Amino acid sequence: LISFNFPVVVDRFVQDPSMFELTEGGMMFTHTLPIASIAPCPQEVPKPLHLDLGGPAVVNQSRCLSVRLPKTLETGADYRLQLRKGARYHPFAGPYAGGDSSEPIKLTGLRPFQFKF
């Protein structure tokens, strides 16, 4: 589950899961994996967005998305999940520019370990 500070349009992410980039690797993060699917978070009901006062709702917006990864995370592997540059996540926002203030979400598979008996 991914939470946002402001509402994003759920429909845009559901229709185009490539708005998120999942990269795999060590220092270089060069291998990009496709996102399997994106859906609204189960505990939050998306709210309709009306672009015109009194007009019909055109999209659903939410502050939470459920992202399904394309595979099980590999043991000891490092991953980054971030919004793709240029993505338009809301009709009132311009293309996402990225930058220093936008930290990617860091994911890892299970870390190798052993029990010493």
C-alpha atoms as a PDB file:
ATOM      1  CA  LEU A   1       0.000   0.000   0.000  1.00  0.00           C
ATOM      2  CA  ILE A   2       1.274   3.447  -0.911  1.00  0.00           C
ATOM      3  CA  SER A   3      -0.014   6.610   0.767  1.00  0.00           C
ATOM      4  CA  PHE A   4       0.090  10.085  -0.758  1.00  0.00           C
ATOM      5  CA  ASN A   5      -0.052  13.517   0.883  1.00  0.00           C
ATOM      6  CA  PHE A   6      -2.660  14.662  -1.634  1.00  0.00           C
ATOM      7  CA  PRO A   7      -5.310  12.824  -3.655  1.00  0.00           C
ATOM      8  CA  VAL A   8      -4.275  11.097  -6.874  1.00  0.00           C
ATOM      9  CA  VAL A   9      -6.591   9.851  -9.613  1.00  0.00           C
ATOM     10  CA  VAL A  10      -7.024   6.118  -9.073  1.00  0.00           C
ATOM     11  CA  ASP A  11      -8.302   5.521 -12.617  1.00  0.00           C
ATOM     12  CA  ARG A  12      -5.081   6.827 -14.205  1.00  0.00           C
ATOM     13  CA  PHE A  13      -2.945   4.377 -12.225  1.00  0.00           C
ATOM     14  CA  VAL A  14      -5.316   1.440 -12.795  1.00  0.00           C
ATOM     15  CA  GLN A  15      -5.316   2.069 -16.566  1.00  0.00           C
ATOM     16  CA  ASP A  16      -1.560   2.728 -16.752  1.00  0.00           C
ATOM     17  CA  PRO A  17       0.428   0.875 -14.055  1.00  0.00           C
ATOM     18  CA  SER A  18       3.637   2.046 -15.778  1.00  0.00           C
ATOM     19  CA  MET A  19       3.165   5.382 -13.968  1.00  0.00           C
ATOM     20  CA  PHE A  20       5.230   3.630 -11.297  1.00  0.00           C
ATOM     21  CA  GLU A  21       8.713   2.309 -12.017  1.00  0.00           C
ATOM     22  CA  LEU A  22      10.088  -0.664 -10.121  1.00  0.00           C
ATOM     23  CA  THR A  23      13.835  -1.017 -10.551  1.00  0.00           C
ATOM     24  CA  GLU A  24      15.963  -3.884  -9.337  1.00  0.00           C
ATOM     25  CA  GLY A  25      19.677  -3.925  -8.695  1.00  0.00           C
ATOM     26  CA  GLY A  26      22.481  -2.831  -6.472  1.00  0.00           C
ATOM     27  CA  MET A  27      24.140   0.548  -6.838  1.00  0.00           C
ATOM     28  CA  MET A  28      22.997   1.183 -10.415  1.00  0.00           C
ATOM     29  CA  PHE A  29      19.322   0.021 -10.308  1.00  0.00           C
ATOM     30  CA  THR A  30      19.324  -0.686 -14.023  1.00  0.00           C
ATOM     31  CA  HIS A  31      16.788  -3.513 -14.393  1.00  0.00           C
ATOM     32  CA  THR A  32      13.211  -2.149 -14.652  1.00  0.00           C
ATOM     33  CA  LEU A  33      10.290  -4.474 -13.894  1.00  0.00           C
ATOM     34  CA  PRO A  34       6.667  -3.834 -14.934  1.00  0.00           C
ATOM     35  CA  ILE A  35       4.065  -3.336 -12.207  1.00  0.00           C
ATOM     36  CA  ALA A  36       1.525  -6.190 -12.240  1.00  0.00           C
ATOM     37  CA  SER A  37      -1.500  -4.102 -11.236  1.00  0.00           C
ATOM     38  CA  ILE A  38      -2.691  -1.112  -9.221  1.00  0.00           C
ATOM     39  CA  ALA A  39      -5.992  -0.844  -7.358  1.00  0.00           C
ATOM     40  CA  PRO A  40      -7.580   1.388  -4.726  1.00  0.00           C
ATOM     41  CA  CYS A  41      -6.652   0.505  -1.151  1.00  0.00           C
ATOM     42  CA  PRO A  42      -9.222  -1.844   0.378  1.00  0.00           C
ATOM     43  CA  GLN A  43      -9.736   0.298   3.493  1.00  0.00           C
ATOM     44  CA  GLU A  44     -10.273   3.595   1.636  1.00  0.00           C
ATOM     45  CA  VAL A  45     -13.213   4.260  -0.680  1.00  0.00           C
ATOM     46  CA  PRO A  46     -12.162   6.487  -3.624  1.00  0.00           C
ATOM     47  CA  LYS A  47     -13.965   9.829  -3.746  1.00  0.00           C
ATOM     48  CA  PRO A  48     -15.494  11.203  -6.940  1.00  0.00           C
ATOM     49  CA  LEU A  49     -13.834  14.258  -8.492  1.00  0.00           C
ATOM     50  CA  HIS A  50     -16.098  16.847 -10.126  1.00  0.00           C
ATOM     51  CA  LEU A  51     -14.283  19.123 -12.571  1.00  0.00           C
ATOM     52  CA  ASP A  52     -17.326  21.390 -13.002  1.00  0.00           C
ATOM     53  CA  LEU A  53     -19.472  22.631 -10.130  1.00  0.00           C
ATOM     54  CA  GLY A  54     -22.579  20.457 -10.120  1.00  0.00           C
ATOM     55  CA  GLY A  55     -21.260  18.399 -13.028  1.00  0.00           C
ATOM     56  CA  PRO A  56     -20.893  14.633 -13.087  1.00  0.00           C
ATOM     57  CA  ALA A  57     -17.946  12.938 -11.440  1.00  0.00           C
ATOM     58  CA  VAL A  58     -15.304  12.219 -14.051  1.00  0.00           C
ATOM     59  CA  VAL A  59     -12.740  10.252 -12.054  1.00  0.00           C
ATOM     60  CA  ASN A  60     -12.160   8.718  -8.651  1.00  0.00           C
ATOM     61  CA  GLN A  61      -9.438  10.058  -6.408  1.00  0.00           C
ATOM     62  CA  SER A  62      -7.772   8.632  -3.332  1.00  0.00           C
ATOM     63  CA  ARG A  63      -4.743   9.123  -1.078  1.00  0.00           C
ATOM     64  CA  CYS A  64      -3.887   5.418  -1.082  1.00  0.00           C
ATOM     65  CA  LEU A  65      -3.073   2.858  -3.796  1.00  0.00           C
ATOM     66  CA  SER A  66      -2.461  -0.874  -3.598  1.00  0.00           C
ATOM     67  CA  VAL A  67       0.430  -1.857  -5.883  1.00  0.00           C
ATOM     68  CA  ARG A  68       0.909  -5.522  -6.834  1.00  0.00           C
ATOM     69  CA  LEU A  69       4.477  -6.321  -7.778  1.00  0.00           C
ATOM     70  CA  PRO A  70       5.232  -8.512 -10.821  1.00  0.00           C
ATOM     71  CA  LYS A  71       7.031 -11.173  -8.814  1.00  0.00           C
ATOM     72  CA  THR A  72       8.085 -12.209  -5.337  1.00  0.00           C
ATOM     73  CA  LEU A  73      11.020 -10.141  -4.141  1.00  0.00           C
ATOM     74  CA  GLU A  74      14.231 -12.164  -4.356  1.00  0.00           C
ATOM     75  CA  THR A  75      16.251 -12.944  -1.246  1.00  0.00           C
ATOM     76  CA  GLY A  76      18.831 -10.249  -0.560  1.00  0.00           C
ATOM     77  CA  ALA A  77      17.824  -8.164  -3.598  1.00  0.00           C
ATOM     78  CA  ASP A  78      17.277  -4.393  -3.479  1.00  0.00           C
ATOM     79  CA  TYR A  79      14.448  -2.603  -5.297  1.00  0.00           C
ATOM     80  CA  ARG A  80      13.181   0.958  -5.731  1.00  0.00           C
ATOM     81  CA  LEU A  81       9.602   1.954  -6.449  1.00  0.00           C
ATOM     82  CA  GLN A  82       8.975   5.494  -7.652  1.00  0.00           C
ATOM     83  CA  LEU A  83       6.604   7.595  -9.680  1.00  0.00           C
ATOM     84  CA  ARG A  84       7.746   7.816 -13.312  1.00  0.00           C
ATOM     85  CA  LYS A  85       8.923  11.249 -14.451  1.00  0.00           C
ATOM     86  CA  GLY A  86       6.289  12.868 -16.651  1.00  0.00           C
ATOM     87  CA  ALA A  87       3.396  10.951 -15.028  1.00  0.00           C
ATOM     88  CA  ARG A  88       0.161  12.961 -14.680  1.00  0.00           C
ATOM     89  CA  TYR A  89      -1.402  11.702 -11.457  1.00  0.00           C
ATOM     90  CA  HIS A  90      -4.164  14.349 -11.188  1.00  0.00           C
ATOM     91  CA  PRO A  91      -5.944  16.601 -13.720  1.00  0.00           C
ATOM     92  CA  PHE A  92      -4.997  19.687 -11.690  1.00  0.00           C
ATOM     93  CA  ALA A  93      -1.287  18.763 -11.595  1.00  0.00           C
ATOM     94  CA  GLY A  94       1.324  19.079 -14.293  1.00  0.00           C
ATOM     95  CA  PRO A  95       3.667  16.260 -15.287  1.00  0.00           C
ATOM     96  CA  TYR A  96       5.661  14.841 -12.394  1.00  0.00           C
ATOM     97  CA  ALA A  97       9.200  16.238 -12.499  1.00  0.00           C
ATOM     98  CA  GLY A  98      10.837  14.164  -9.756  1.00  0.00           C
ATOM     99  CA  GLY A  99      13.783  15.839  -8.057  1.00  0.00           C
ATOM    100  CA  ASP A 100      15.699  15.640  -4.816  1.00  0.00           C
ATOM    101  CA  SER A 101      12.652  15.946  -2.547  1.00  0.00           C
ATOM    102  CA  SER A 102      11.023  12.806  -3.958  1.00  0.00           C
ATOM    103  CA  GLU A 103      12.668   9.791  -2.383  1.00  0.00           C
ATOM    104  CA  PRO A 104      11.898   6.425  -3.969  1.00  0.00           C
ATOM    105  CA  ILE A 105      10.345   3.728  -1.809  1.00  0.00           C
ATOM    106  CA  LYS A 106      13.085   1.243  -0.986  1.00  0.00           C
ATOM    107  CA  LEU A 107      12.128  -2.431  -0.921  1.00  0.00           C
ATOM    108  CA  THR A 108      14.159  -5.536  -0.219  1.00  0.00           C
ATOM    109  CA  GLY A 109      13.610  -9.235  -0.375  1.00  0.00           C
ATOM    110  CA  LEU A 110      14.258 -11.271   2.743  1.00  0.00           C
ATOM    111  CA  ARG A 111      17.767 -10.802   4.053  1.00  0.00           C
ATOM    112  CA  PRO A 112      19.851 -13.979   4.225  1.00  0.00           C
ATOM    113  CA  PHE A 113      20.209 -15.272   7.759  1.00  0.00           C
ATOM    114  CA  GLN A 114      21.054 -18.424   9.641  1.00  0.00           C
ATOM    115  CA  PHE A 115      20.494 -19.812  13.121  1.00  0.00           C
ATOM    116  CA  LYS A 116      23.644 -20.987  14.857  1.00  0.00           C
ATOM    117  CA  PHE A 117      22.816 -24.011  16.967  1.00  0.00           C
END
